[in-house]
């Protein structure tokens, strides 16, 4: 009886011990050093070496377009029946290849961002996707704490970006950029600027910068654990 009881206690204790060890491991993981900092977040160590990190904003929103550009989708047999209301969503994740490549505050990483416009309510045409943009990126980032006039520079990032809609001519749209991204914070406010320079051929879109510009400006405010932002 004692032998049986001993085995029973051991069987119960093993899962509890494993659970306690797992909880201890999770507790030693600090929260990101700086909320809203992509690089500081990627520099946090985790048990799983294949952890993916959020990069750009991930969202799902309902949109209404007053003047839908049907010419851009004229090759689709449902273009005349395209609706002006859509579901727009973005998925953006990053993966660190090498933490500490140029010092403890540096990381070599890659990101993938996908943005889609979904004709969800267009059931008559099987709810197709009107447009999807694919944006892989390779970058070198630094987490910093330089201060100037009340602002603290948190992220410094340089990289190479490819952006494409994955289509063939005549509706193909793709371009390549080298860029710099700087993010600074002042209290709960944050400002991020990302200028870029187009490289490579733009034969199929010679005037793309007229529509996409030469930089991106993002303004945000930290509200608890969330960051409210606008571009």
Protein backbone atom coordinates (compact mmCIF):
# COMPACT_ATOMS: atom_id res chain seq x y z
CA UNK A 1 0.00 0.00 0.00
CA UNK A 2 2.82 2.38 0.89
CA UNK A 3 4.54 1.58 -2.39
CA UNK A 4 1.37 2.31 -4.33
CA UNK A 5 0.85 5.56 -2.40
CA UNK A 6 4.44 6.58 -3.11
CA UNK A 7 4.01 6.06 -6.84
CA UNK A 8 0.73 7.98 -6.75
CA UNK A 9 2.33 10.96 -4.97
CA UNK A 10 5.21 10.93 -7.43
CA UNK A 11 2.80 10.89 -10.37
CA UNK A 12 0.98 13.91 -8.95
CA UNK A 13 4.17 15.77 -8.01
CA UNK A 14 5.83 15.52 -11.43
CA UNK A 15 3.22 17.59 -13.32
CA UNK A 16 3.15 20.13 -10.48
CA UNK A 17 6.93 20.43 -10.55
CA UNK A 18 6.92 20.85 -14.33
CA UNK A 19 4.19 23.49 -14.05
CA UNK A 20 6.15 25.37 -11.38
CA UNK A 21 9.29 25.33 -13.52
CA UNK A 22 7.33 26.58 -16.52
CA UNK A 23 5.78 29.38 -14.46
CA UNK A 24 9.22 30.37 -13.15
CA UNK A 25 10.60 30.54 -16.68
CA UNK A 26 7.72 32.73 -17.79
CA UNK A 27 8.12 35.07 -14.82
CA UNK A 28 11.75 35.87 -15.62
CA UNK A 29 10.75 37.23 -19.03
CA UNK A 30 10.67 40.98 -18.58
CA UNK A 31 8.17 43.08 -20.45
CA UNK A 32 9.60 45.07 -23.37
CA UNK A 33 11.95 47.72 -21.98
CA UNK A 34 10.13 50.45 -23.89
CA UNK A 35 6.47 50.26 -24.91
CA UNK A 36 6.05 51.05 -28.56
CA UNK A 37 9.67 50.25 -29.43
CA UNK A 38 9.94 47.56 -32.08
CA UNK A 39 13.67 47.02 -31.57
CA UNK A 40 13.53 46.90 -27.75
CA UNK A 41 10.78 44.30 -28.05
CA UNK A 42 12.84 42.15 -30.42
CA UNK A 43 15.82 42.28 -28.05
CA UNK A 44 13.85 40.52 -25.31
CA UNK A 45 14.94 36.89 -24.93
CA UNK A 46 12.35 34.09 -25.00
CA UNK A 47 12.47 30.34 -24.47
CA UNK A 48 11.35 29.67 -28.03
CA UNK A 49 14.08 30.80 -30.47
CA UNK A 50 11.47 30.97 -33.25
CA UNK A 51 9.31 33.61 -31.56
CA UNK A 52 7.66 36.08 -33.95
CA UNK A 53 7.28 39.70 -32.89
CA UNK A 54 4.77 42.35 -34.02
CA UNK A 55 6.35 44.81 -36.43
CA UNK A 56 3.94 47.29 -38.00
CA UNK A 57 0.38 47.75 -36.73
CA UNK A 58 -1.87 44.68 -36.92
CA UNK A 59 -5.52 45.57 -37.46
CA UNK A 60 -8.89 44.69 -38.99
CA UNK A 61 -11.20 47.57 -39.98
CA UNK A 62 -14.34 48.12 -42.05
CA UNK A 63 -13.94 50.71 -44.82
CA UNK A 64 -16.19 52.61 -47.22
CA UNK A 65 -14.67 54.05 -50.43
CA UNK A 66 -16.49 56.88 -52.17
CA UNK A 67 -14.75 56.42 -55.54
CA UNK A 68 -13.47 52.89 -56.14
CA UNK A 69 -10.83 52.64 -58.90
CA UNK A 70 -12.39 49.93 -61.05
CA UNK A 71 -9.83 50.47 -63.81
CA UNK A 72 -7.15 48.91 -61.59
CA UNK A 73 -9.18 45.68 -61.38
CA UNK A 74 -10.57 45.70 -64.92
CA UNK A 75 -8.89 42.34 -65.60
CA UNK A 76 -11.19 40.72 -63.02
CA UNK A 77 -14.47 39.43 -64.43
CA UNK A 78 -16.30 40.80 -61.38
CA UNK A 79 -14.88 44.35 -61.57
CA UNK A 80 -18.20 45.92 -62.65
CA UNK A 81 -19.87 44.44 -59.56
CA UNK A 82 -17.19 45.52 -57.09
CA UNK A 83 -18.61 47.03 -53.91
CA UNK A 84 -17.40 50.22 -52.23
CA UNK A 85 -17.46 48.71 -48.73
CA UNK A 86 -14.64 46.35 -47.76
CA UNK A 87 -12.83 44.78 -44.84
CA UNK A 88 -9.23 45.95 -44.72
CA UNK A 89 -6.73 44.11 -42.58
CA UNK A 90 -2.99 44.05 -42.03
CA UNK A 91 -0.72 41.37 -40.59
CA UNK A 92 2.85 42.38 -39.76
CA UNK A 93 5.44 40.20 -38.01
CA UNK A 94 9.21 40.29 -37.50
CA UNK A 95 11.87 37.71 -36.70
CA UNK A 96 15.34 38.42 -35.22
CA UNK A 97 18.14 36.57 -37.01
CA UNK A 98 21.02 37.84 -34.87
CA UNK A 99 20.72 39.73 -31.61
CA UNK A 100 23.87 41.65 -30.67
CA UNK A 101 25.33 41.68 -34.19
CA UNK A 102 26.86 45.14 -33.57
CA UNK A 103 26.61 45.40 -29.80
CA UNK A 104 24.06 44.39 -27.15
CA UNK A 105 21.49 46.93 -28.33
CA UNK A 106 21.49 45.80 -31.98
CA UNK A 107 19.56 43.21 -33.95
CA UNK A 108 19.56 41.92 -37.52
CA UNK A 109 16.04 40.94 -38.46
CA UNK A 110 13.42 40.49 -41.14
CA UNK A 111 9.76 41.40 -41.28
CA UNK A 112 6.77 40.50 -43.41
CA UNK A 113 3.73 42.74 -43.77
CA UNK A 114 0.61 41.83 -45.72
CA UNK A 115 -2.24 44.23 -46.34
CA UNK A 116 -5.52 43.09 -47.94
CA UNK A 117 -8.79 44.63 -49.10
CA UNK A 118 -11.55 42.02 -48.87
CA UNK A 119 -14.95 42.38 -50.55
CA UNK A 120 -16.58 40.47 -47.72
CA UNK A 121 -20.13 41.69 -48.37
CA UNK A 122 -19.89 40.94 -52.11
CA UNK A 123 -21.39 37.47 -51.74
CA UNK A 124 -22.71 37.56 -55.30
CA UNK A 125 -19.09 37.39 -56.51
CA UNK A 126 -17.94 34.90 -53.81
CA UNK A 127 -16.47 37.66 -51.60
CA UNK A 128 -13.17 38.12 -53.50
CA UNK A 129 -10.04 39.96 -52.43
CA UNK A 130 -9.75 43.15 -54.46
CA UNK A 131 -6.12 43.81 -53.59
CA UNK A 132 -3.32 42.32 -51.51
CA UNK A 133 0.10 43.89 -50.97
CA UNK A 134 3.11 41.83 -49.90
CA UNK A 135 5.98 43.58 -48.14
CA UNK A 136 9.06 41.58 -47.05
CA UNK A 137 11.86 43.55 -45.43
CA UNK A 138 15.42 43.04 -44.13
CA UNK A 139 16.76 45.47 -41.53
CA UNK A 140 19.41 46.33 -38.94
CA UNK A 141 18.01 47.97 -35.82
CA UNK A 142 19.37 49.66 -32.69
CA UNK A 143 17.62 50.43 -29.39
CA UNK A 144 18.95 53.78 -28.12
CA UNK A 145 18.29 56.33 -25.36
CA UNK A 146 19.67 59.58 -26.80
CA UNK A 147 17.83 62.62 -25.40
CA UNK A 148 17.19 66.01 -26.99
CA UNK A 149 14.73 68.75 -25.99
CA UNK A 150 12.63 66.41 -23.87
CA UNK A 151 12.48 63.68 -26.52
CA UNK A 152 14.25 60.31 -26.32
CA UNK A 153 15.35 58.56 -29.51
CA UNK A 154 14.34 54.92 -29.02
CA UNK A 155 14.63 53.16 -32.39
CA UNK A 156 17.17 53.57 -35.19
CA UNK A 157 16.66 51.23 -38.12
CA UNK A 158 18.01 50.92 -41.66
CA UNK A 159 16.86 48.35 -44.15
CA UNK A 160 15.78 47.13 -47.57
CA UNK A 161 12.09 46.88 -48.46
CA UNK A 162 10.26 45.17 -51.33
CA UNK A 163 6.60 45.98 -51.92
CA UNK A 164 4.46 44.21 -54.52
CA UNK A 165 0.84 43.38 -55.29
CA UNK A 166 1.88 40.03 -56.75
CA UNK A 167 0.23 40.61 -60.11
CA UNK A 168 1.50 40.37 -63.66
CA UNK A 169 1.27 43.10 -66.30
CA UNK A 170 -0.63 45.28 -66.97
CA UNK A 171 -1.71 45.64 -63.32
CA UNK A 172 1.65 44.76 -61.75
CA UNK A 173 2.91 47.14 -59.10
CA UNK A 174 6.21 46.63 -57.31
CA UNK A 175 9.09 48.73 -56.06
CA UNK A 176 12.19 48.40 -53.93
CA UNK A 177 13.41 50.88 -51.33
CA UNK A 178 16.22 51.45 -48.90
CA UNK A 179 14.99 53.27 -45.83
CA UNK A 180 15.76 54.66 -42.40
CA UNK A 181 13.28 54.53 -39.53
CA UNK A 182 13.61 56.74 -36.44
CA UNK A 183 11.25 56.60 -33.45
CA UNK A 184 11.32 59.07 -30.54
CA UNK A 185 9.21 59.36 -27.39
CA UNK A 186 8.23 62.17 -25.03
CA UNK A 187 6.15 60.92 -22.12
CA UNK A 188 3.23 59.00 -23.60
CA UNK A 189 3.68 60.55 -27.03
CA UNK A 190 5.72 58.97 -29.81
CA UNK A 191 6.71 60.12 -33.29
CA UNK A 192 8.15 57.89 -35.99
CA UNK A 193 9.53 59.01 -39.34
CA UNK A 194 10.56 56.64 -42.12
CA UNK A 195 12.09 58.26 -45.22
CA UNK A 196 13.08 56.07 -48.17
CA UNK A 197 14.89 56.09 -51.48
CA UNK A 198 13.67 54.05 -54.44
CA UNK A 199 16.22 51.66 -55.95
CA UNK A 200 16.09 49.40 -58.98
CA UNK A 201 13.70 49.54 -61.92
CA UNK A 202 10.29 51.22 -61.75
CA UNK A 203 9.41 50.74 -65.42
CA UNK A 204 5.92 49.42 -64.68
CA UNK A 205 5.29 52.24 -62.18
CA UNK A 206 7.42 55.24 -63.19
CA UNK A 207 5.35 57.71 -61.13
CA UNK A 208 4.77 55.57 -58.03
CA UNK A 209 6.38 58.13 -55.71
CA UNK A 210 3.69 60.64 -56.71
CA UNK A 211 1.18 58.37 -54.99
CA UNK A 212 3.30 56.70 -52.30
CA UNK A 213 5.53 59.67 -51.43
CA UNK A 214 9.07 59.71 -50.07
CA UNK A 215 8.48 59.07 -46.38
CA UNK A 216 6.01 57.87 -43.78
CA UNK A 217 5.13 59.79 -40.61
CA UNK A 218 3.50 58.06 -37.66
CA UNK A 219 2.24 59.73 -34.48
CA UNK A 220 1.18 57.68 -31.47
CA UNK A 221 0.04 57.88 -27.86
CA UNK A 222 0.54 55.19 -25.22
CA UNK A 223 -2.72 54.35 -23.48
CA UNK A 224 -2.07 51.66 -20.89
CA UNK A 225 -0.64 48.61 -22.64
CA UNK A 226 -1.85 49.84 -26.03
CA UNK A 227 -0.47 52.42 -28.45
CA UNK A 228 -2.96 54.50 -30.44
CA UNK A 229 -1.36 55.68 -33.68
CA UNK A 230 -2.10 57.44 -36.95
CA UNK A 231 -0.07 57.67 -40.17
